[in-house]
Amino acid sequence: MEVSAAGDLANWIIPGKLVKGMGGAMDLVSSPDSTKIIVCTDHTDKKGNPKIVQECSLPLTGARCVSMIITELAVFDVDRKNGTLTLIELQPGATLEEVKAKTGAKFEVGPNVKEVSI
């Protein structure tokens, strides 16, 4: 799965790979102006490649449909209209440097970025 800085979502298929799951993601993201799509995912894949990217390389499930991204490292607001990301929270133990190193998209750091408390 990939999510772009503009809020594009690619989770439908990875060319050449077996797809598991019941589907339905295209239905869920079909009306982004009427719904809030929050993607909860690992920050990187098994090989350490970013899942949050500037532009998706996989086939899109939905264009400019994601409003927020939550990972084990950070929380981002997505401005779908302007195609930008803003870091709004760091997960416990995560650092800004780590998030920058593991994110494949440009992002702004919000003015009140804080670590989430549990």
PDB file of N, CA and C in Angstrom:
ATOM      1  N   MET A   1       0.837  -1.181   0.000  1.00  0.00           N
ATOM      2  CA  MET A   1       0.000   0.000   0.000  1.00  0.00           C
ATOM      3  C   MET A   1       0.877   1.237   0.000  1.00  0.00           C
ATOM      4  N   GLU A   2       0.399   2.277  -0.681  1.00  0.00           N
ATOM      5  CA  GLU A   2       1.059   3.576  -0.687  1.00  0.00           C
ATOM      6  C   GLU A   2       0.011   4.664  -0.496  1.00  0.00           C
ATOM      7  N   VAL A   3       0.432   5.755   0.140  1.00  0.00           N
ATOM      8  CA  VAL A   3      -0.393   6.957   0.236  1.00  0.00           C
ATOM      9  C   VAL A   3       0.498   8.114  -0.199  1.00  0.00           C
ATOM     10  N   SER A   4      -0.027   8.967  -1.087  1.00  0.00           N
ATOM     11  CA  SER A   4       0.788  10.074  -1.583  1.00  0.00           C
ATOM     12  C   SER A   4       0.544  11.344  -0.776  1.00  0.00           C
ATOM     13  N   ALA A   5       1.418  12.318  -0.980  1.00  0.00           N
ATOM     14  CA  ALA A   5       1.291  13.610  -0.316  1.00  0.00           C
ATOM     15  C   ALA A   5      -0.024  14.300  -0.670  1.00  0.00           C
ATOM     16  N   ALA A   6      -0.581  13.976  -1.825  1.00  0.00           N
ATOM     17  CA  ALA A   6      -1.846  14.580  -2.257  1.00  0.00           C
ATOM     18  C   ALA A   6      -3.065  13.819  -1.748  1.00  0.00           C
ATOM     19  N   GLY A   7      -2.836  12.716  -1.019  1.00  0.00           N
ATOM     20  CA  GLY A   7      -3.952  11.927  -0.511  1.00  0.00           C
ATOM     21  C   GLY A   7      -4.409  10.831  -1.448  1.00  0.00           C
ATOM     22  N   ASP A   8      -3.599  10.505  -2.463  1.00  0.00           N
ATOM     23  CA  ASP A   8      -3.915   9.374  -3.335  1.00  0.00           C
ATOM     24  C   ASP A   8      -3.684   8.082  -2.563  1.00  0.00           C
ATOM     25  N   LEU A   9      -4.524   7.092  -2.792  1.00  0.00           N
ATOM     26  CA  LEU A   9      -4.404   5.803  -2.118  1.00  0.00           C
ATOM     27  C   LEU A   9      -4.205   4.709  -3.150  1.00  0.00           C
ATOM     28  N   ALA A  10      -3.151   3.922  -2.966  1.00  0.00           N
ATOM     29  CA  ALA A  10      -2.887   2.774  -3.831  1.00  0.00           C
ATOM     30  C   ALA A  10      -2.834   1.540  -2.944  1.00  0.00           C
ATOM     31  N   ASN A  11      -3.925   0.791  -2.894  1.00  0.00           N
ATOM     32  CA  ASN A  11      -3.922  -0.456  -2.123  1.00  0.00           C
ATOM     33  C   ASN A  11      -4.691  -1.544  -2.843  1.00  0.00           C
ATOM     34  N   TRP A  12      -4.954  -1.340  -4.100  1.00  0.00           N
ATOM     35  CA  TRP A  12      -5.788  -2.271  -4.824  1.00  0.00           C
ATOM     36  C   TRP A  12      -5.034  -3.500  -5.261  1.00  0.00           C
ATOM     37  N   ILE A  13      -3.874  -3.313  -5.880  1.00  0.00           N
ATOM     38  CA  ILE A  13      -3.128  -4.462  -6.384  1.00  0.00           C
ATOM     39  C   ILE A  13      -1.654  -4.095  -6.550  1.00  0.00           C
ATOM     40  N   ILE A  14      -0.803  -5.037  -6.272  1.00  0.00           N
ATOM     41  CA  ILE A  14       0.618  -4.896  -6.579  1.00  0.00           C
ATOM     42  C   ILE A  14       0.861  -5.806  -7.776  1.00  0.00           C
ATOM     43  N   PRO A  15       1.245  -5.237  -8.901  1.00  0.00           N
ATOM     44  CA  PRO A  15       1.423  -6.070 -10.105  1.00  0.00           C
ATOM     45  C   PRO A  15       2.294  -7.302  -9.841  1.00  0.00           C
ATOM     46  N   GLY A  16       1.777  -8.464 -10.219  1.00  0.00           N
ATOM     47  CA  GLY A  16       2.513  -9.712 -10.067  1.00  0.00           C
ATOM     48  C   GLY A  16       2.369 -10.380  -8.711  1.00  0.00           C
ATOM     49  N   LYS A  17       1.581  -9.796  -7.802  1.00  0.00           N
ATOM     50  CA  LYS A  17       1.414 -10.357  -6.457  1.00  0.00           C
ATOM     51  C   LYS A  17      -0.014 -10.867  -6.263  1.00  0.00           C
ATOM     52  N   LEU A  18      -0.175 -11.861  -5.404  1.00  0.00           N
ATOM     53  CA  LEU A  18      -1.481 -12.376  -5.025  1.00  0.00           C
ATOM     54  C   LEU A  18      -2.167 -11.364  -4.126  1.00  0.00           C
ATOM     55  N   VAL A  19      -3.416 -11.068  -4.408  1.00  0.00           N
ATOM     56  CA  VAL A  19      -4.169 -10.092  -3.619  1.00  0.00           C
ATOM     57  C   VAL A  19      -5.076 -10.835  -2.648  1.00  0.00           C
ATOM     58  N   LYS A  20      -4.934 -10.548  -1.354  1.00  0.00           N
ATOM     59  CA  LYS A  20      -5.795 -11.152  -0.342  1.00  0.00           C
ATOM     60  C   LYS A  20      -6.736 -10.084   0.181  1.00  0.00           C
ATOM     61  N   GLY A  21      -7.859 -10.491   0.697  1.00  0.00           N
ATOM     62  CA  GLY A  21      -8.790  -9.545   1.291  1.00  0.00           C
ATOM     63  C   GLY A  21     -10.125  -9.581   0.584  1.00  0.00           C
ATOM     64  N   MET A  22     -11.092  -8.927   1.206  1.00  0.00           N
ATOM     65  CA  MET A  22     -12.446  -8.964   0.666  1.00  0.00           C
ATOM     66  C   MET A  22     -12.734  -7.826  -0.291  1.00  0.00           C
ATOM     67  N   GLY A  23     -11.845  -6.856  -0.400  1.00  0.00           N
ATOM     68  CA  GLY A  23     -12.072  -5.747  -1.320  1.00  0.00           C
ATOM     69  C   GLY A  23     -12.986  -4.699  -0.708  1.00  0.00           C
ATOM     70  N   GLY A  24     -13.444  -3.799  -1.526  1.00  0.00           N
ATOM     71  CA  GLY A  24     -14.366  -2.762  -1.065  1.00  0.00           C
ATOM     72  C   GLY A  24     -13.724  -1.409  -0.856  1.00  0.00           C
ATOM     73  N   ALA A  25     -12.398  -1.315  -0.962  1.00  0.00           N
ATOM     74  CA  ALA A  25     -11.728  -0.039  -0.716  1.00  0.00           C
ATOM     75  C   ALA A  25     -12.167   1.022  -1.717  1.00  0.00           C
ATOM     76  N   MET A  26     -12.393   0.621  -2.968  1.00  0.00           N
ATOM     77  CA  MET A  26     -12.804   1.603  -3.977  1.00  0.00           C
ATOM     78  C   MET A  26     -14.147   2.217  -3.601  1.00  0.00           C
ATOM     79  N   ASP A  27     -15.038   1.424  -3.042  1.00  0.00           N
ATOM     80  CA  ASP A  27     -16.332   1.951  -2.592  1.00  0.00           C
ATOM     81  C   ASP A  27     -16.151   2.924  -1.439  1.00  0.00           C
ATOM     82  N   LEU A  28     -15.246   2.588  -0.509  1.00  0.00           N
ATOM     83  CA  LEU A  28     -15.032   3.425   0.664  1.00  0.00           C
ATOM     84  C   LEU A  28     -14.456   4.800   0.322  1.00  0.00           C
ATOM     85  N   VAL A  29     -13.636   4.882  -0.713  1.00  0.00           N
ATOM     86  CA  VAL A  29     -12.979   6.144  -1.056  1.00  0.00           C
ATOM     87  C   VAL A  29     -13.663   6.885  -2.196  1.00  0.00           C
ATOM     88  N   SER A  30     -14.833   6.452  -2.605  1.00  0.00           N
ATOM     89  CA  SER A  30     -15.489   7.019  -3.786  1.00  0.00           C
ATOM     90  C   SER A  30     -16.076   8.408  -3.573  1.00  0.00           C
ATOM     91  N   SER A  31     -16.219   8.844  -2.334  1.00  0.00           N
ATOM     92  CA  SER A  31     -16.826  10.148  -2.073  1.00  0.00           C
ATOM     93  C   SER A  31     -16.032  10.903  -1.000  1.00  0.00           C
ATOM     94  N   PRO A  32     -14.786  11.306  -1.313  1.00  0.00           N
ATOM     95  CA  PRO A  32     -13.928  11.909  -0.290  1.00  0.00           C
ATOM     96  C   PRO A  32     -14.409  13.255   0.249  1.00  0.00           C
ATOM     97  N   ASP A  33     -15.262  13.956  -0.497  1.00  0.00           N
ATOM     98  CA  ASP A  33     -15.781  15.231   0.010  1.00  0.00           C
ATOM     99  C   ASP A  33     -16.892  15.032   1.030  1.00  0.00           C
ATOM    100  N   SER A  34     -17.481  13.848   1.053  1.00  0.00           N
ATOM    101  CA  SER A  34     -18.568  13.560   1.987  1.00  0.00           C
ATOM    102  C   SER A  34     -18.141  12.672   3.146  1.00  0.00           C
ATOM    103  N   THR A  35     -16.925  12.140   3.079  1.00  0.00           N
ATOM    104  CA  THR A  35     -16.437  11.248   4.121  1.00  0.00           C
ATOM    105  C   THR A  35     -15.019  11.655   4.519  1.00  0.00           C
ATOM    106  N   LYS A  36     -14.551  11.130   5.639  1.00  0.00           N
ATOM    107  CA  LYS A  36     -13.171  11.366   6.060  1.00  0.00           C
ATOM    108  C   LYS A  36     -12.462  10.024   6.025  1.00  0.00           C
ATOM    109  N   ILE A  37     -11.501   9.901   5.122  1.00  0.00           N
ATOM    110  CA  ILE A  37     -10.751   8.657   4.957  1.00  0.00           C
ATOM    111  C   ILE A  37      -9.471   8.775   5.778  1.00  0.00           C
ATOM    112  N   ILE A  38      -9.324   7.892   6.752  1.00  0.00           N
ATOM    113  CA  ILE A  38      -8.137   7.841   7.602  1.00  0.00           C
ATOM    114  C   ILE A  38      -7.429   6.527   7.315  1.00  0.00           C
ATOM    115  N   VAL A  39      -6.184   6.620   6.876  1.00  0.00           N
ATOM    116  CA  VAL A  39      -5.396   5.423   6.581  1.00  0.00           C
ATOM    117  C   VAL A  39      -4.511   5.124   7.787  1.00  0.00           C
ATOM    118  N   CYS A  40      -4.646   3.935   8.325  1.00  0.00           N
ATOM    119  CA  CYS A  40      -3.784   3.454   9.410  1.00  0.00           C
ATOM    120  C   CYS A  40      -2.891   2.376   8.804  1.00  0.00           C
ATOM    121  N   THR A  41      -1.594   2.601   8.831  1.00  0.00           N
ATOM    122  CA  THR A  41      -0.659   1.697   8.168  1.00  0.00           C
ATOM    123  C   THR A  41       0.694   1.726   8.860  1.00  0.00           C
ATOM    124  N   ASP A  42       1.530   0.765   8.522  1.00  0.00           N
ATOM    125  CA  ASP A  42       2.930   0.828   8.941  1.00  0.00           C
ATOM    126  C   ASP A  42       3.585   1.951   8.150  1.00  0.00           C
ATOM    127  N   HIS A  43       4.586   2.593   8.740  1.00  0.00           N
ATOM    128  CA  HIS A  43       5.251   3.709   8.078  1.00  0.00           C
ATOM    129  C   HIS A  43       6.079   3.230   6.881  1.00  0.00           C
ATOM    130  N   THR A  44       6.624   2.014   6.983  1.00  0.00           N
ATOM    131  CA  THR A  44       7.420   1.437   5.896  1.00  0.00           C
ATOM    132  C   THR A  44       6.963   0.014   5.619  1.00  0.00           C
ATOM    133  N   ASP A  45       7.368  -0.504   4.460  1.00  0.00           N
ATOM    134  CA  ASP A  45       7.058  -1.898   4.145  1.00  0.00           C
ATOM    135  C   ASP A  45       8.088  -2.826   4.794  1.00  0.00           C
ATOM    136  N   LYS A  46       7.996  -4.125   4.523  1.00  0.00           N
ATOM    137  CA  LYS A  46       8.902  -5.108   5.128  1.00  0.00           C
ATOM    138  C   LYS A  46      10.368  -4.870   4.782  1.00  0.00           C
ATOM    139  N   LYS A  47      10.608  -4.214   3.647  1.00  0.00           N
ATOM    140  CA  LYS A  47      11.980  -3.948   3.213  1.00  0.00           C
ATOM    141  C   LYS A  47      12.480  -2.578   3.675  1.00  0.00           C
ATOM    142  N   GLY A  48      11.638  -1.847   4.397  1.00  0.00           N
ATOM    143  CA  GLY A  48      12.032  -0.528   4.880  1.00  0.00           C
ATOM    144  C   GLY A  48      11.733   0.615   3.927  1.00  0.00           C
ATOM    145  N   ASN A  49      11.025   0.328   2.839  1.00  0.00           N
ATOM    146  CA  ASN A  49      10.652   1.372   1.880  1.00  0.00           C
ATOM    147  C   ASN A  49       9.457   2.162   2.410  1.00  0.00           C
ATOM    148  N   PRO A  50       9.436   3.474   2.196  1.00  0.00           N
ATOM    149  CA  PRO A  50       8.327   4.296   2.691  1.00  0.00           C
ATOM    150  C   PRO A  50       6.994   3.913   2.047  1.00  0.00           C
ATOM    151  N   LYS A  51       5.948   3.942   2.846  1.00  0.00           N
ATOM    152  CA  LYS A  51       4.598   3.772   2.326  1.00  0.00           C
ATOM    153  C   LYS A  51       3.945   5.133   2.086  1.00  0.00           C
ATOM    154  N   ILE A  52       4.503   6.171   2.686  1.00  0.00           N
ATOM    155  CA  ILE A  52       4.037   7.538   2.447  1.00  0.00           C
ATOM    156  C   ILE A  52       5.005   8.142   1.447  1.00  0.00           C
ATOM    157  N   VAL A  53       4.502   8.402   0.237  1.00  0.00           N
ATOM    158  CA  VAL A  53       5.359   8.792  -0.883  1.00  0.00           C
ATOM    159  C   VAL A  53       4.874  10.097  -1.515  1.00  0.00           C
ATOM    160  N   GLN A  54       5.755  10.723  -2.294  1.00  0.00           N
ATOM    161  CA  GLN A  54       5.358  11.953  -2.980  1.00  0.00           C
ATOM    162  C   GLN A  54       4.289  11.649  -4.027  1.00  0.00           C
ATOM    163  N   GLU A  55       4.511  10.599  -4.815  1.00  0.00           N
ATOM    164  CA  GLU A  55       3.532  10.141  -5.806  1.00  0.00           C
ATOM    165  C   GLU A  55       3.483   8.620  -5.775  1.00  0.00           C
ATOM    166  N   CYS A  56       2.297   8.053  -5.871  1.00  0.00           N
ATOM    167  CA  CYS A  56       2.142   6.603  -5.837  1.00  0.00           C
ATOM    168  C   CYS A  56       2.710   5.973  -7.106  1.00  0.00           C
ATOM    169  N   SER A  57       3.387   4.847  -6.942  1.00  0.00           N
ATOM    170  CA  SER A  57       3.893   4.095  -8.088  1.00  0.00           C
ATOM    171  C   SER A  57       2.996   2.899  -8.406  1.00  0.00           C
ATOM    172  N   LEU A  58       2.119   2.557  -7.497  1.00  0.00           N
ATOM    173  CA  LEU A  58       1.182   1.447  -7.692  1.00  0.00           C
ATOM    174  C   LEU A  58      -0.138   1.978  -8.260  1.00  0.00           C
ATOM    175  N   PRO A  59      -0.955   1.106  -8.860  1.00  0.00           N
ATOM    176  CA  PRO A  59      -2.253   1.550  -9.384  1.00  0.00           C
ATOM    177  C   PRO A  59      -3.124   2.153  -8.281  1.00  0.00           C
ATOM    178  N   LEU A  60      -3.774   3.280  -8.581  1.00  0.00           N
ATOM    179  CA  LEU A  60      -4.568   3.989  -7.575  1.00  0.00           C
ATOM    180  C   LEU A  60      -5.911   3.324  -7.305  1.00  0.00           C
ATOM    181  N   THR A  61      -6.256   3.284  -6.038  1.00  0.00           N
ATOM    182  CA  THR A  61      -7.593   2.894  -5.602  1.00  0.00           C
ATOM    183  C   THR A  61      -8.481   4.127  -5.620  1.00  0.00           C
ATOM    184  N   GLY A  62      -7.918   5.259  -5.180  1.00  0.00           N
ATOM    185  CA  GLY A  62      -8.647   6.520  -5.157  1.00  0.00           C
ATOM    186  C   GLY A  62      -7.684   7.681  -5.252  1.00  0.00           C
ATOM    187  N   ALA A  63      -8.089   8.721  -5.968  1.00  0.00           N
ATOM    188  CA  ALA A  63      -7.266   9.914  -6.127  1.00  0.00           C
ATOM    189  C   ALA A  63      -7.714  10.993  -5.143  1.00  0.00           C
ATOM    190  N   ARG A  64      -6.756  11.583  -4.451  1.00  0.00           N
ATOM    191  CA  ARG A  64      -7.008  12.690  -3.508  1.00  0.00           C
ATOM    192  C   ARG A  64      -8.198  12.389  -2.599  1.00  0.00           C
ATOM    193  N   CYS A  65      -8.138  11.229  -1.960  1.00  0.00           N
ATOM    194  CA  CYS A  65      -9.253  10.789  -1.126  1.00  0.00           C
ATOM    195  C   CYS A  65      -8.910  10.686   0.357  1.00  0.00           C
ATOM    196  N   VAL A  66      -7.631  10.645   0.703  1.00  0.00           N
ATOM    197  CA  VAL A  66      -7.216  10.434   2.089  1.00  0.00           C
ATOM    198  C   VAL A  66      -7.116  11.771   2.825  1.00  0.00           C
ATOM    199  N   SER A  67      -7.682  11.834   4.033  1.00  0.00           N
ATOM    200  CA  SER A  67      -7.666  13.056   4.842  1.00  0.00           C
ATOM    201  C   SER A  67      -6.621  13.016   5.953  1.00  0.00           C
ATOM    202  N   MET A  68      -6.272  11.813   6.412  1.00  0.00           N
ATOM    203  CA  MET A  68      -5.333  11.674   7.520  1.00  0.00           C
ATOM    204  C   MET A  68      -4.598  10.346   7.387  1.00  0.00           C
ATOM    205  N   ILE A  69      -3.323  10.340   7.814  1.00  0.00           N
ATOM    206  CA  ILE A  69      -2.518   9.121   7.822  1.00  0.00           C
ATOM    207  C   ILE A  69      -1.994   8.922   9.238  1.00  0.00           C
ATOM    208  N   ILE A  70      -2.186   7.718   9.774  1.00  0.00           N
ATOM    209  CA  ILE A  70      -1.700   7.380  11.112  1.00  0.00           C
ATOM    210  C   ILE A  70      -0.786   6.165  10.985  1.00  0.00           C
ATOM    211  N   THR A  71       0.454   6.294  11.484  1.00  0.00           N
ATOM    212  CA  THR A  71       1.387   5.163  11.494  1.00  0.00           C
ATOM    213  C   THR A  71       1.911   4.974  12.909  1.00  0.00           C
ATOM    214  N   GLU A  72       2.788   3.985  13.063  1.00  0.00           N
ATOM    215  CA  GLU A  72       3.394   3.752  14.377  1.00  0.00           C
ATOM    216  C   GLU A  72       4.370   4.861  14.750  1.00  0.00           C
ATOM    217  N   LEU A  73       4.720   5.741  13.798  1.00  0.00           N
ATOM    218  CA  LEU A  73       5.665   6.824  14.056  1.00  0.00           C
ATOM    219  C   LEU A  73       5.016   8.195  14.157  1.00  0.00           C
ATOM    220  N   ALA A  74       3.953   8.416  13.378  1.00  0.00           N
ATOM    221  CA  ALA A  74       3.450   9.785  13.263  1.00  0.00           C
ATOM    222  C   ALA A  74       2.006   9.839  12.788  1.00  0.00           C
ATOM    223  N   VAL A  75       1.454  11.055  12.904  1.00  0.00           N
ATOM    224  CA  VAL A  75       0.124  11.348  12.375  1.00  0.00           C
ATOM    225  C   VAL A  75       0.263  12.558  11.450  1.00  0.00           C
ATOM    226  N   PHE A  76      -0.289  12.425  10.232  1.00  0.00           N
ATOM    227  CA  PHE A  76      -0.239  13.494   9.239  1.00  0.00           C
ATOM    228  C   PHE A  76      -1.648  13.919   8.848  1.00  0.00           C
ATOM    229  N   ASP A  77      -1.854  15.225   8.714  1.00  0.00           N
ATOM    230  CA  ASP A  77      -3.045  15.750   8.054  1.00  0.00           C
ATOM    231  C   ASP A  77      -2.705  15.859   6.580  1.00  0.00           C
ATOM    232  N   VAL A  78      -3.673  15.534   5.734  1.00  0.00           N
ATOM    233  CA  VAL A  78      -3.481  15.621   4.288  1.00  0.00           C
ATOM    234  C   VAL A  78      -4.369  16.734   3.749  1.00  0.00           C
ATOM    235  N   ASP A  79      -3.765  17.695   3.062  1.00  0.00           N
ATOM    236  CA  ASP A  79      -4.520  18.730   2.368  1.00  0.00           C
ATOM    237  C   ASP A  79      -4.700  18.246   0.937  1.00  0.00           C
ATOM    238  N   ARG A  80      -5.851  17.636   0.672  1.00  0.00           N
ATOM    239  CA  ARG A  80      -6.104  17.026  -0.632  1.00  0.00           C
ATOM    240  C   ARG A  80      -6.161  18.062  -1.754  1.00  0.00           C
ATOM    241  N   LYS A  81      -6.640  19.227  -1.457  1.00  0.00           N
ATOM    242  CA  LYS A  81      -6.774  20.270  -2.488  1.00  0.00           C
ATOM    243  C   LYS A  81      -5.404  20.776  -2.943  1.00  0.00           C
ATOM    244  N   ASN A  82      -4.499  21.024  -1.974  1.00  0.00           N
ATOM    245  CA  ASN A  82      -3.170  21.545  -2.294  1.00  0.00           C
ATOM    246  C   ASN A  82      -2.108  20.465  -2.463  1.00  0.00           C
ATOM    247  N   GLY A  83      -2.451  19.231  -2.122  1.00  0.00           N
ATOM    248  CA  GLY A  83      -1.513  18.126  -2.292  1.00  0.00           C
ATOM    249  C   GLY A  83      -0.346  18.167  -1.329  1.00  0.00           C
ATOM    250  N   THR A  84      -0.623  18.543  -0.060  1.00  0.00           N
ATOM    251  CA  THR A  84       0.456  18.663   0.920  1.00  0.00           C
ATOM    252  C   THR A  84       0.147  17.878   2.191  1.00  0.00           C
ATOM    253  N   LEU A  85       1.226  17.502   2.886  1.00  0.00           N
ATOM    254  CA  LEU A  85       1.137  16.803   4.165  1.00  0.00           C
ATOM    255  C   LEU A  85       1.632  17.709   5.276  1.00  0.00           C
ATOM    256  N   THR A  86       1.016  17.590   6.444  1.00  0.00           N
ATOM    257  CA  THR A  86       1.492  18.293   7.631  1.00  0.00           C
ATOM    258  C   THR A  86       1.585  17.299   8.772  1.00  0.00           C
ATOM    259  N   LEU A  87       2.774  17.187   9.355  1.00  0.00           N
ATOM    260  CA  LEU A  87       2.971  16.342  10.528  1.00  0.00           C
ATOM    261  C   LEU A  87       2.301  17.025  11.707  1.00  0.00           C
ATOM    262  N   ILE A  88       1.383  16.319  12.389  1.00  0.00           N
ATOM    263  CA  ILE A  88       0.687  16.939  13.515  1.00  0.00           C
ATOM    264  C   ILE A  88       0.989  16.272  14.852  1.00  0.00           C
ATOM    265  N   GLU A  89       1.452  15.015  14.830  1.00  0.00           N
ATOM    266  CA  GLU A  89       1.789  14.325  16.075  1.00  0.00           C
ATOM    267  C   GLU A  89       2.899  13.311  15.837  1.00  0.00           C
ATOM    268  N   LEU A  90       3.729  13.133  16.851  1.00  0.00           N
ATOM    269  CA  LEU A  90       4.729  12.062  16.874  1.00  0.00           C
ATOM    270  C   LEU A  90       4.248  10.993  17.839  1.00  0.00           C
ATOM    271  N   GLN A  91       4.351   9.744  17.442  1.00  0.00           N
ATOM    272  CA  GLN A  91       3.983   8.650  18.338  1.00  0.00           C
ATOM    273  C   GLN A  91       5.047   8.522  19.427  1.00  0.00           C
ATOM    274  N   PRO A  92       4.716   7.932  20.578  1.00  0.00           N
ATOM    275  CA  PRO A  92       5.693   7.783  21.667  1.00  0.00           C
ATOM    276  C   PRO A  92       6.985   7.121  21.190  1.00  0.00           C
ATOM    277  N   GLY A  93       8.107   7.753  21.491  1.00  0.00           N
ATOM    278  CA  GLY A  93       9.410   7.214  21.143  1.00  0.00           C
ATOM    279  C   GLY A  93       9.911   7.596  19.757  1.00  0.00           C
ATOM    280  N   ALA A  94       9.051   8.133  18.904  1.00  0.00           N
ATOM    281  CA  ALA A  94       9.466   8.527  17.555  1.00  0.00           C
ATOM    282  C   ALA A  94      10.089   9.917  17.597  1.00  0.00           C
ATOM    283  N   THR A  95      11.055  10.134  16.713  1.00  0.00           N
ATOM    284  CA  THR A  95      11.686  11.448  16.621  1.00  0.00           C
ATOM    285  C   THR A  95      11.388  12.053  15.254  1.00  0.00           C
ATOM    286  N   LEU A  96      11.498  13.357  15.170  1.00  0.00           N
ATOM    287  CA  LEU A  96      11.289  14.043  13.900  1.00  0.00           C
ATOM    288  C   LEU A  96      12.296  13.556  12.864  1.00  0.00           C
ATOM    289  N   GLU A  97      13.528  13.341  13.271  1.00  0.00           N
ATOM    290  CA  GLU A  97      14.560  12.870  12.348  1.00  0.00           C
ATOM    291  C   GLU A  97      14.202  11.503  11.774  1.00  0.00           C
ATOM    292  N   GLU A  98      13.704  10.608  12.618  1.00  0.00           N
ATOM    293  CA  GLU A  98      13.305   9.273  12.158  1.00  0.00           C
ATOM    294  C   GLU A  98      12.148   9.363  11.170  1.00  0.00           C
ATOM    295  N   VAL A  99      11.164  10.200  11.474  1.00  0.00           N
ATOM    296  CA  VAL A  99      10.013  10.359  10.581  1.00  0.00           C
ATOM    297  C   VAL A  99      10.468  10.912   9.235  1.00  0.00           C
ATOM    298  N   LYS A 100      11.353  11.905   9.247  1.00  0.00           N
ATOM    299  CA  LYS A 100      11.871  12.459   7.987  1.00  0.00           C
ATOM    300  C   LYS A 100      12.601  11.389   7.186  1.00  0.00           C
ATOM    301  N   ALA A 101      13.404  10.571   7.851  1.00  0.00           N
ATOM    302  CA  ALA A 101      14.197   9.545   7.167  1.00  0.00           C
ATOM    303  C   ALA A 101      13.324   8.446   6.554  1.00  0.00           C
ATOM    304  N   LYS A 102      12.185   8.164   7.164  1.00  0.00           N
ATOM    305  CA  LYS A 102      11.347   7.045   6.734  1.00  0.00           C
ATOM    306  C   LYS A 102      10.130   7.464   5.918  1.00  0.00           C
ATOM    307  N   THR A 103      10.014   8.759   5.606  1.00  0.00           N
ATOM    308  CA  THR A 103       8.893   9.264   4.824  1.00  0.00           C
ATOM    309  C   THR A 103       9.389   9.637   3.434  1.00  0.00           C
ATOM    310  N   GLY A 104       8.719   9.120   2.419  1.00  0.00           N
ATOM    311  CA  GLY A 104       9.138   9.361   1.043  1.00  0.00           C
ATOM    312  C   GLY A 104       8.458  10.550   0.396  1.00  0.00           C
ATOM    313  N   ALA A 105       7.851  11.410   1.204  1.00  0.00           N
ATOM    314  CA  ALA A 105       7.181  12.601   0.691  1.00  0.00           C
ATOM    315  C   ALA A 105       7.616  13.813   1.494  1.00  0.00           C
ATOM    316  N   LYS A 106       7.551  14.967   0.861  1.00  0.00           N
ATOM    317  CA  LYS A 106       7.815  16.212   1.580  1.00  0.00           C
ATOM    318  C   LYS A 106       6.647  16.487   2.509  1.00  0.00           C
ATOM    319  N   PHE A 107       6.938  17.049   3.676  1.00  0.00           N
ATOM    320  CA  PHE A 107       5.864  17.432   4.587  1.00  0.00           C
ATOM    321  C   PHE A 107       6.281  18.633   5.415  1.00  0.00           C
ATOM    322  N   GLU A 108       5.273  19.369   5.847  1.00  0.00           N
ATOM    323  CA  GLU A 108       5.471  20.487   6.759  1.00  0.00           C
ATOM    324  C   GLU A 108       5.361  19.945   8.174  1.00  0.00           C
ATOM    325  N   VAL A 109       5.993  20.625   9.103  1.00  0.00           N
ATOM    326  CA  VAL A 109       5.867  20.271  10.511  1.00  0.00           C
ATOM    327  C   VAL A 109       4.916  21.274  11.133  1.00  0.00           C
ATOM    328  N   GLY A 110       3.812  20.780  11.669  1.00  0.00           N
ATOM    329  CA  GLY A 110       2.817  21.657  12.270  1.00  0.00           C
ATOM    330  C   GLY A 110       3.391  22.441  13.447  1.00  0.00           C
ATOM    331  N   PRO A 111       2.770  23.575  13.739  1.00  0.00           N
ATOM    332  CA  PRO A 111       3.300  24.465  14.786  1.00  0.00           C
ATOM    333  C   PRO A 111       3.232  23.867  16.184  1.00  0.00           C
ATOM    334  N   ASN A 112       2.328  22.942  16.416  1.00  0.00           N
ATOM    335  CA  ASN A 112       2.152  22.394  17.760  1.00  0.00           C
ATOM    336  C   ASN A 112       2.423  20.899  17.806  1.00  0.00           C
ATOM    337  N   VAL A 113       3.391  20.432  17.018  1.00  0.00           N
ATOM    338  CA  VAL A 113       3.690  18.996  16.985  1.00  0.00           C
ATOM    339  C   VAL A 113       4.102  18.549  18.381  1.00  0.00           C
ATOM    340  N   LYS A 114       3.464  17.479  18.820  1.00  0.00           N
ATOM    341  CA  LYS A 114       3.774  16.946  20.144  1.00  0.00           C
ATOM    342  C   LYS A 114       3.742  15.436  20.084  1.00  0.00           C
ATOM    343  N   GLU A 115       4.359  14.821  21.059  1.00  0.00           N
ATOM    344  CA  GLU A 115       4.314  13.364  21.164  1.00  0.00           C
ATOM    345  C   GLU A 115       2.970  12.972  21.744  1.00  0.00           C
ATOM    346  N   VAL A 116       2.368  11.950  21.154  1.00  0.00           N
ATOM    347  CA  VAL A 116       1.107  11.441  21.664  1.00  0.00           C
ATOM    348  C   VAL A 116       1.357  10.780  23.006  1.00  0.00           C
ATOM    349  N   SER A 117       0.511  11.052  23.974  1.00  0.00           N
ATOM    350  CA  SER A 117       0.664  10.387  25.268  1.00  0.00           C
ATOM    351  C   SER A 117      -0.348   9.253  25.363  1.00  0.00           C
ATOM    352  N   ILE A 118       0.066   8.195  26.023  1.00  0.00           N
ATOM    353  CA  ILE A 118      -0.832   7.031  26.147  1.00  0.00           C
ATOM    354  C   ILE A 118      -1.380   6.967  27.552  1.00  0.00           C
TER     355      ILE A 118
END
